[in-house]
Full PDB file with SEQRES, HELIX, SHEET, SSBOND, CRYST1, ORIGX, SCALE, CONECT and MASTER records, all heavy atoms in Angstrom:
SEQRES   1 A   31  PRO PRO SER THR GLU PRO LEU GLN LEU PRO LYS PRO THR          
SEQRES   2 A   31  ASP HIS VAL PHE PRO GLY ASN HIS ILE LYS MET PHE ASN          
SEQRES   3 A   31  ALA LEU MET GLY ARG                                          
HELIX    1 AA1 ILE A   22  GLY A   30  1                                   9    
CRYST1    1.000    1.000    1.000  90.00  90.00  90.00 P 1           1          
ORIGX1      1.000000  0.000000  0.000000        0.00000                         
ORIGX2      0.000000  1.000000  0.000000        0.00000                         
ORIGX3      0.000000  0.000000  1.000000        0.00000                         
SCALE1      1.000000  0.000000  0.000000        0.00000                         
SCALE2      0.000000  1.000000  0.000000        0.00000                         
SCALE3      0.000000  0.000000  1.000000        0.00000                         
ATOM      1  N   PRO A   1       0.827  -1.187   0.006  1.00  0.00           N  
ATOM      2  CA  PRO A   1      -0.005  -0.003  -0.011  1.00  0.00           C  
ATOM      3  C   PRO A   1       0.869   1.257  -0.002  1.00  0.00           C  
ATOM      4  O   PRO A   1       2.056   1.202   0.323  1.00  0.00           O  
ATOM      5  CB  PRO A   1      -0.822  -0.126   1.293  1.00  0.00           C  
ATOM      6  CG  PRO A   1      -0.030  -1.042   2.143  1.00  0.00           C  
ATOM      7  CD  PRO A   1       0.670  -2.033   1.243  1.00  0.00           C  
ATOM      8  N   PRO A   2       0.305   2.378  -0.365  1.00  0.00           N  
ATOM      9  CA  PRO A   2       1.092   3.606  -0.385  1.00  0.00           C  
ATOM     10  C   PRO A   2       1.707   3.909   0.995  1.00  0.00           C  
ATOM     11  O   PRO A   2       1.190   3.493   2.030  1.00  0.00           O  
ATOM     12  CB  PRO A   2       0.092   4.676  -0.798  1.00  0.00           C  
ATOM     13  CG  PRO A   2      -1.015   3.937  -1.442  1.00  0.00           C  
ATOM     14  CD  PRO A   2      -1.068   2.610  -0.797  1.00  0.00           C  
ATOM     15  N   SER A   3       2.768   4.630   0.937  1.00  0.00           N  
ATOM     16  CA  SER A   3       3.459   4.979   2.206  1.00  0.00           C  
ATOM     17  C   SER A   3       2.591   5.895   3.047  1.00  0.00           C  
ATOM     18  O   SER A   3       1.714   6.588   2.553  1.00  0.00           O  
ATOM     19  CB  SER A   3       4.772   5.687   1.877  1.00  0.00           C  
ATOM     20  OG  SER A   3       4.536   6.882   1.161  1.00  0.00           O  
ATOM     21  N   THR A   4       2.858   5.853   4.338  1.00  0.00           N  
ATOM     22  CA  THR A   4       2.041   6.624   5.300  1.00  0.00           C  
ATOM     23  C   THR A   4       2.640   7.997   5.588  1.00  0.00           C  
ATOM     24  O   THR A   4       2.440   8.540   6.649  1.00  0.00           O  
ATOM     25  CB  THR A   4       1.937   5.836   6.600  1.00  0.00           C  
ATOM     26  OG1 THR A   4       3.248   5.556   7.078  1.00  0.00           O  
ATOM     27  CG2 THR A   4       1.164   4.533   6.364  1.00  0.00           C  
ATOM     28  N   GLU A   5       3.372   8.511   4.602  1.00  0.00           N  
ATOM     29  CA  GLU A   5       3.943   9.857   4.789  1.00  0.00           C  
ATOM     30  C   GLU A   5       2.808  10.899   4.848  1.00  0.00           C  
ATOM     31  O   GLU A   5       1.791  10.731   4.189  1.00  0.00           O  
ATOM     32  CB  GLU A   5       4.898  10.190   3.645  1.00  0.00           C  
ATOM     33  CG  GLU A   5       6.083   9.229   3.560  1.00  0.00           C  
ATOM     34  CD  GLU A   5       6.966   9.556   2.380  1.00  0.00           C  
ATOM     35  OE1 GLU A   5       6.663  10.556   1.704  1.00  0.00           O  
ATOM     36  OE2 GLU A   5       7.943   8.842   2.137  1.00  0.00           O  
ATOM     37  N   PRO A   6       2.967  11.939   5.643  1.00  0.00           N  
ATOM     38  CA  PRO A   6       1.901  12.977   5.734  1.00  0.00           C  
ATOM     39  C   PRO A   6       1.684  13.634   4.390  1.00  0.00           C  
ATOM     40  O   PRO A   6       2.640  14.082   3.727  1.00  0.00           O  
ATOM     41  CB  PRO A   6       2.440  13.956   6.772  1.00  0.00           C  
ATOM     42  CG  PRO A   6       3.928  13.713   6.810  1.00  0.00           C  
ATOM     43  CD  PRO A   6       4.121  12.270   6.477  1.00  0.00           C  
ATOM     44  N   LEU A   7       0.429  13.704   3.943  1.00  0.00           N  
ATOM     45  CA  LEU A   7       0.124  14.293   2.660  1.00  0.00           C  
ATOM     46  C   LEU A   7       0.034  15.810   2.793  1.00  0.00           C  
ATOM     47  O   LEU A   7      -0.404  16.357   3.812  1.00  0.00           O  
ATOM     48  CB  LEU A   7      -1.230  13.731   2.167  1.00  0.00           C  
ATOM     49  CG  LEU A   7      -1.272  12.220   1.976  1.00  0.00           C  
ATOM     50  CD1 LEU A   7      -2.651  11.788   1.527  1.00  0.00           C  
ATOM     51  CD2 LEU A   7      -0.234  11.768   0.970  1.00  0.00           C  
ATOM     52  N   GLN A   8       0.484  16.484   1.751  1.00  0.00           N  
ATOM     53  CA  GLN A   8       0.500  17.949   1.746  1.00  0.00           C  
ATOM     54  C   GLN A   8      -0.457  18.468   0.659  1.00  0.00           C  
ATOM     55  O   GLN A   8      -0.449  18.005  -0.481  1.00  0.00           O  
ATOM     56  CB  GLN A   8       1.907  18.475   1.456  1.00  0.00           C  
ATOM     57  CG  GLN A   8       2.915  18.104   2.524  1.00  0.00           C  
ATOM     58  CD  GLN A   8       4.283  18.681   2.210  1.00  0.00           C  
ATOM     59  OE1 GLN A   8       4.474  19.333   1.188  1.00  0.00           O  
ATOM     60  NE2 GLN A   8       5.242  18.436   3.072  1.00  0.00           N  
ATOM     61  N   LEU A   9      -1.270  19.422   1.048  1.00  0.00           N  
ATOM     62  CA  LEU A   9      -2.147  20.054   0.097  1.00  0.00           C  
ATOM     63  C   LEU A   9      -1.386  21.104  -0.730  1.00  0.00           C  
ATOM     64  O   LEU A   9      -0.340  21.593  -0.290  1.00  0.00           O  
ATOM     65  CB  LEU A   9      -3.340  20.718   0.816  1.00  0.00           C  
ATOM     66  CG  LEU A   9      -4.296  19.752   1.514  1.00  0.00           C  
ATOM     67  CD1 LEU A   9      -5.376  20.545   2.249  1.00  0.00           C  
ATOM     68  CD2 LEU A   9      -4.918  18.773   0.529  1.00  0.00           C  
ATOM     69  N   PRO A  10      -1.876  21.451  -1.898  1.00  0.00           N  
ATOM     70  CA  PRO A  10      -1.177  22.446  -2.739  1.00  0.00           C  
ATOM     71  C   PRO A  10      -1.067  23.801  -2.022  1.00  0.00           C  
ATOM     72  O   PRO A  10      -1.994  24.248  -1.357  1.00  0.00           O  
ATOM     73  CB  PRO A  10      -2.031  22.575  -3.999  1.00  0.00           C  
ATOM     74  CG  PRO A  10      -2.789  21.291  -4.053  1.00  0.00           C  
ATOM     75  CD  PRO A  10      -3.041  20.907  -2.601  1.00  0.00           C  
ATOM     76  N   LYS A  11       0.072  24.450  -2.197  1.00  0.00           N  
ATOM     77  CA  LYS A  11       0.297  25.790  -1.655  1.00  0.00           C  
ATOM     78  C   LYS A  11      -0.098  26.830  -2.705  1.00  0.00           C  
ATOM     79  O   LYS A  11      -0.247  26.537  -3.899  1.00  0.00           O  
ATOM     80  CB  LYS A  11       1.775  25.938  -1.284  1.00  0.00           C  
ATOM     81  CG  LYS A  11       2.247  24.959  -0.211  1.00  0.00           C  
ATOM     82  CD  LYS A  11       3.708  25.159   0.076  1.00  0.00           C  
ATOM     83  CE  LYS A  11       4.190  24.182   1.129  1.00  0.00           C  
ATOM     84  NZ  LYS A  11       5.669  24.303   1.380  1.00  0.00           N  
ATOM     85  N   PRO A  12      -0.292  28.087  -2.284  1.00  0.00           N  
ATOM     86  CA  PRO A  12      -0.661  29.137  -3.245  1.00  0.00           C  
ATOM     87  C   PRO A  12       0.349  29.304  -4.363  1.00  0.00           C  
ATOM     88  O   PRO A  12      -0.028  29.692  -5.478  1.00  0.00           O  
ATOM     89  CB  PRO A  12      -0.768  30.406  -2.393  1.00  0.00           C  
ATOM     90  CG  PRO A  12      -1.087  29.881  -1.016  1.00  0.00           C  
ATOM     91  CD  PRO A  12      -0.344  28.578  -0.892  1.00  0.00           C  
ATOM     92  N   THR A  13       1.636  29.003  -4.124  1.00  0.00           N  
ATOM     93  CA  THR A  13       2.632  29.208  -5.142  1.00  0.00           C  
ATOM     94  C   THR A  13       2.834  27.940  -5.994  1.00  0.00           C  
ATOM     95  O   THR A  13       3.652  27.973  -6.933  1.00  0.00           O  
ATOM     96  CB  THR A  13       3.973  29.544  -4.491  1.00  0.00           C  
ATOM     97  OG1 THR A  13       4.317  28.546  -3.505  1.00  0.00           O  
ATOM     98  CG2 THR A  13       3.890  30.912  -3.816  1.00  0.00           C  
ATOM     99  N   ASP A  14       2.091  26.884  -5.719  1.00  0.00           N  
ATOM    100  CA  ASP A  14       2.211  25.668  -6.551  1.00  0.00           C  
ATOM    101  C   ASP A  14       1.405  25.816  -7.810  1.00  0.00           C  
ATOM    102  O   ASP A  14       0.399  26.537  -7.876  1.00  0.00           O  
ATOM    103  CB  ASP A  14       1.714  24.442  -5.754  1.00  0.00           C  
ATOM    104  CG  ASP A  14       2.635  24.097  -4.599  1.00  0.00           C  
ATOM    105  OD1 ASP A  14       3.801  24.496  -4.654  1.00  0.00           O  
ATOM    106  OD2 ASP A  14       2.174  23.450  -3.630  1.00  0.00           O  
ATOM    107  N   HIS A  15       1.815  25.064  -8.841  1.00  0.00           N  
ATOM    108  CA  HIS A  15       1.098  25.089 -10.096  1.00  0.00           C  
ATOM    109  C   HIS A  15      -0.197  24.287  -9.954  1.00  0.00           C  
ATOM    110  O   HIS A  15      -0.260  23.282  -9.234  1.00  0.00           O  
ATOM    111  CB  HIS A  15       1.959  24.490 -11.203  1.00  0.00           C  
ATOM    112  CG  HIS A  15       3.064  25.400 -11.650  1.00  0.00           C  
ATOM    113  ND1 HIS A  15       4.320  25.386 -11.059  1.00  0.00           N  
ATOM    114  CD2 HIS A  15       3.110  26.341 -12.618  1.00  0.00           C  
ATOM    115  CE1 HIS A  15       5.081  26.304 -11.649  1.00  0.00           C  
ATOM    116  NE2 HIS A  15       4.378  26.901 -12.605  1.00  0.00           N  
ATOM    117  N   VAL A  16      -1.229  24.751 -10.643  1.00  0.00           N  
ATOM    118  CA  VAL A  16      -2.508  24.058 -10.605  1.00  0.00           C  
ATOM    119  C   VAL A  16      -2.399  22.692 -11.272  1.00  0.00           C  
ATOM    120  O   VAL A  16      -2.964  21.702 -10.804  1.00  0.00           O  
ATOM    121  CB  VAL A  16      -3.607  24.923 -11.285  1.00  0.00           C  
ATOM    122  CG1 VAL A  16      -4.931  24.183 -11.294  1.00  0.00           C  
ATOM    123  CG2 VAL A  16      -3.743  26.254 -10.554  1.00  0.00           C  
ATOM    124  N   PHE A  17      -1.664  22.646 -12.374  1.00  0.00           N  
ATOM    125  CA  PHE A  17      -1.436  21.382 -13.113  1.00  0.00           C  
ATOM    126  C   PHE A  17       0.058  21.123 -13.209  1.00  0.00           C  
ATOM    127  O   PHE A  17       0.693  21.469 -14.207  1.00  0.00           O  
ATOM    128  CB  PHE A  17      -2.083  21.458 -14.498  1.00  0.00           C  
ATOM    129  CG  PHE A  17      -3.547  21.712 -14.474  1.00  0.00           C  
ATOM    130  CD1 PHE A  17      -4.059  22.971 -14.776  1.00  0.00           C  
ATOM    131  CD2 PHE A  17      -4.451  20.722 -14.161  1.00  0.00           C  
ATOM    132  CE1 PHE A  17      -5.418  23.221 -14.752  1.00  0.00           C  
ATOM    133  CE2 PHE A  17      -5.813  20.949 -14.131  1.00  0.00           C  
ATOM    134  CZ  PHE A  17      -6.285  22.206 -14.424  1.00  0.00           C  
ATOM    135  N   PRO A  18       0.632  20.519 -12.184  1.00  0.00           N  
ATOM    136  CA  PRO A  18       2.095  20.327 -12.200  1.00  0.00           C  
ATOM    137  C   PRO A  18       2.534  19.209 -13.116  1.00  0.00           C  
ATOM    138  O   PRO A  18       3.706  19.190 -13.528  1.00  0.00           O  
ATOM    139  CB  PRO A  18       2.396  19.978 -10.742  1.00  0.00           C  
ATOM    140  CG  PRO A  18       1.140  19.373 -10.209  1.00  0.00           C  
ATOM    141  CD  PRO A  18       0.017  20.072 -10.928  1.00  0.00           C  
ATOM    142  N   GLY A  19       1.697  18.281 -13.444  1.00  0.00           N  
ATOM    143  CA  GLY A  19       2.100  17.131 -14.273  1.00  0.00           C  
ATOM    144  C   GLY A  19       1.820  17.360 -15.731  1.00  0.00           C  
ATOM    145  O   GLY A  19       1.166  18.316 -16.163  1.00  0.00           O  
ATOM    146  N   ASN A  20       2.315  16.432 -16.537  1.00  0.00           N  
ATOM    147  CA  ASN A  20       2.080  16.438 -17.975  1.00  0.00           C  
ATOM    148  C   ASN A  20       1.372  15.136 -18.328  1.00  0.00           C  
ATOM    149  O   ASN A  20       1.950  14.045 -18.183  1.00  0.00           O  
ATOM    150  CB  ASN A  20       3.430  16.531 -18.740  1.00  0.00           C  
ATOM    151  CG  ASN A  20       3.227  16.725 -20.204  1.00  0.00           C  
ATOM    152  OD1 ASN A  20       2.129  16.609 -20.726  1.00  0.00           O  
ATOM    153  ND2 ASN A  20       4.317  16.996 -20.920  1.00  0.00           N  
ATOM    154  N   HIS A  21       0.142  15.233 -18.809  1.00  0.00           N  
ATOM    155  CA  HIS A  21      -0.670  14.038 -19.052  1.00  0.00           C  
ATOM    156  C   HIS A  21      -1.011  13.898 -20.526  1.00  0.00           C  
ATOM    157  O   HIS A  21      -2.092  13.446 -20.863  1.00  0.00           O  
ATOM    158  CB  HIS A  21      -1.959  14.111 -18.217  1.00  0.00           C  
ATOM    159  CG  HIS A  21      -1.734  14.551 -16.808  1.00  0.00           C  
ATOM    160  ND1 HIS A  21      -1.049  13.803 -15.885  1.00  0.00           N  
ATOM    161  CD2 HIS A  21      -2.091  15.686 -16.146  1.00  0.00           C  
ATOM    162  CE1 HIS A  21      -0.991  14.423 -14.732  1.00  0.00           C  
ATOM    163  NE2 HIS A  21      -1.636  15.585 -14.871  1.00  0.00           N  
ATOM    164  N   ILE A  22      -0.105  14.296 -21.405  1.00  0.00           N  
ATOM    165  CA  ILE A  22      -0.399  14.276 -22.838  1.00  0.00           C  
ATOM    166  C   ILE A  22      -0.593  12.846 -23.329  1.00  0.00           C  
ATOM    167  O   ILE A  22      -1.504  12.563 -24.102  1.00  0.00           O  
ATOM    168  CB  ILE A  22       0.735  14.986 -23.604  1.00  0.00           C  
ATOM    169  CG1 ILE A  22       0.757  16.483 -23.231  1.00  0.00           C  
ATOM    170  CG2 ILE A  22       0.516  14.845 -25.119  1.00  0.00           C  
ATOM    171  CD1 ILE A  22       1.848  17.258 -23.922  1.00  0.00           C  
ATOM    172  N   LYS A  23       0.300  11.927 -22.905  1.00  0.00           N  
ATOM    173  CA  LYS A  23       0.196  10.557 -23.386  1.00  0.00           C  
ATOM    174  C   LYS A  23      -1.121   9.916 -22.931  1.00  0.00           C  
ATOM    175  O   LYS A  23      -1.790   9.244 -23.731  1.00  0.00           O  
ATOM    176  CB  LYS A  23       1.380   9.738 -22.855  1.00  0.00           C  
ATOM    177  CG  LYS A  23       2.722  10.125 -23.474  1.00  0.00           C  
ATOM    178  CD  LYS A  23       3.828   9.231 -22.982  1.00  0.00           C  
ATOM    179  CE  LYS A  23       5.171   9.573 -23.629  1.00  0.00           C  
ATOM    180  NZ  LYS A  23       6.273   8.721 -23.139  1.00  0.00           N  
ATOM    181  N   MET A  24      -1.522  10.147 -21.712  1.00  0.00           N  
ATOM    182  CA  MET A  24      -2.766   9.587 -21.217  1.00  0.00           C  
ATOM    183  C   MET A  24      -3.951  10.218 -21.956  1.00  0.00           C  
ATOM    184  O   MET A  24      -4.921   9.527 -22.300  1.00  0.00           O  
ATOM    185  CB  MET A  24      -2.898   9.803 -19.706  1.00  0.00           C  
ATOM    186  CG  MET A  24      -4.126   9.157 -19.075  1.00  0.00           C  
ATOM    187  SD  MET A  24      -4.275   9.553 -17.324  1.00  0.00           S  
ATOM    188  CE  MET A  24      -2.765   8.887 -16.650  1.00  0.00           C  
ATOM    189  N   PHE A  25      -3.874  11.520 -22.204  1.00  0.00           N  
ATOM    190  CA  PHE A  25      -4.952  12.219 -22.894  1.00  0.00           C  
ATOM    191  C   PHE A  25      -5.114  11.659 -24.313  1.00  0.00           C  
ATOM    192  O   PHE A  25      -6.219  11.401 -24.778  1.00  0.00           O  
ATOM    193  CB  PHE A  25      -4.663  13.713 -22.900  1.00  0.00           C  
ATOM    194  CG  PHE A  25      -5.710  14.557 -23.553  1.00  0.00           C  
ATOM    195  CD1 PHE A  25      -7.009  14.581 -23.052  1.00  0.00           C  
ATOM    196  CD2 PHE A  25      -5.451  15.318 -24.672  1.00  0.00           C  
ATOM    197  CE1 PHE A  25      -8.003  15.351 -23.646  1.00  0.00           C  
ATOM    198  CE2 PHE A  25      -6.411  16.098 -25.268  1.00  0.00           C  
ATOM    199  CZ  PHE A  25      -7.689  16.107 -24.747  1.00  0.00           C  
ATOM    200  N   ASN A  26      -4.003  11.492 -25.041  1.00  0.00           N  
ATOM    201  CA  ASN A  26      -4.071  10.956 -26.393  1.00  0.00           C  
ATOM    202  C   ASN A  26      -4.566   9.530 -26.384  1.00  0.00           C  
ATOM    203  O   ASN A  26      -5.317   9.101 -27.278  1.00  0.00           O  
ATOM    204  CB  ASN A  26      -2.719  11.040 -27.056  1.00  0.00           C  
ATOM    205  CG  ASN A  26      -2.307  12.473 -27.395  1.00  0.00           C  
ATOM    206  OD1 ASN A  26      -3.151  13.316 -27.607  1.00  0.00           O  
ATOM    207  ND2 ASN A  26      -1.012  12.739 -27.385  1.00  0.00           N  
ATOM    208  N   ALA A  27      -4.142   8.736 -25.394  1.00  0.00           N  
ATOM    209  CA  ALA A  27      -4.610   7.330 -25.326  1.00  0.00           C  
ATOM    210  C   ALA A  27      -6.117   7.274 -25.089  1.00  0.00           C  
ATOM    211  O   ALA A  27      -6.791   6.436 -25.704  1.00  0.00           O  
ATOM    212  CB  ALA A  27      -3.842   6.603 -24.225  1.00  0.00           C  
ATOM    213  N   LEU A  28      -6.656   8.116 -24.232  1.00  0.00           N  
ATOM    214  CA  LEU A  28      -8.084   8.064 -23.980  1.00  0.00           C  
ATOM    215  C   LEU A  28      -8.871   8.584 -25.197  1.00  0.00           C  
ATOM    216  O   LEU A  28      -9.966   8.078 -25.468  1.00  0.00           O  
ATOM    217  CB  LEU A  28      -8.410   8.936 -22.743  1.00  0.00           C  
ATOM    218  CG  LEU A  28      -7.884   8.393 -21.415  1.00  0.00           C  
ATOM    219  CD1 LEU A  28      -8.234   9.352 -20.281  1.00  0.00           C  
ATOM    220  CD2 LEU A  28      -8.462   7.035 -21.143  1.00  0.00           C  
ATOM    221  N   MET A  29      -8.332   9.565 -25.915  1.00  0.00           N  
ATOM    222  CA  MET A  29      -9.039  10.004 -27.120  1.00  0.00           C  
ATOM    223  C   MET A  29      -9.008   8.900 -28.181  1.00  0.00           C  
ATOM    224  O   MET A  29      -9.981   8.731 -28.920  1.00  0.00           O  
ATOM    225  CB  MET A  29      -8.377  11.282 -27.675  1.00  0.00           C  
ATOM    226  CG  MET A  29      -8.732  12.543 -26.895  1.00  0.00           C  
ATOM    227  SD  MET A  29      -8.362  14.051 -27.845  1.00  0.00           S  
ATOM    228  CE  MET A  29      -6.619  13.896 -28.014  1.00  0.00           C  
ATOM    229  N   GLY A  30      -7.883   8.176 -28.264  1.00  0.00           N  
ATOM    230  CA  GLY A  30      -7.848   7.062 -29.202  1.00  0.00           C  
ATOM    231  C   GLY A  30      -8.812   5.931 -28.825  1.00  0.00           C  
ATOM    232  O   GLY A  30      -9.424   5.303 -29.691  1.00  0.00           O  
ATOM    233  N   ARG A  31      -8.972   5.737 -27.515  1.00  0.00           N  
ATOM    234  CA  ARG A  31      -9.885   4.691 -27.073  1.00  0.00           C  
ATOM    235  C   ARG A  31     -11.340   5.069 -27.419  1.00  0.00           C  
ATOM    236  O   ARG A  31     -12.124   4.189 -27.762  1.00  0.00           O  
ATOM    237  CB  ARG A  31      -9.753   4.530 -25.540  1.00  0.00           C  
ATOM    238  CG  ARG A  31     -10.624   3.421 -24.965  1.00  0.00           C  
ATOM    239  CD  ARG A  31     -10.515   3.404 -23.456  1.00  0.00           C  
ATOM    240  NE  ARG A  31      -9.135   3.261 -23.002  1.00  0.00           N  
ATOM    241  CZ  ARG A  31      -8.803   3.296 -21.689  1.00  0.00           C  
ATOM    242  NH1 ARG A  31      -9.732   3.450 -20.773  1.00  0.00           N  
ATOM    243  NH2 ARG A  31      -7.538   3.176 -21.360  1.00  0.00           N  
TER     244      ARG A  31                                                      
MASTER        0    0    0    1    0    0    0    6  243    1    0    3          
END                                                                             
């Protein structure tokens, strides 16, 4: 199971979309 490290919520200076999901987006459109 995932580690039990304390989870942190986004801070005001964090990016709203920090990740890049282009491959997943293209795969779902192809599906």
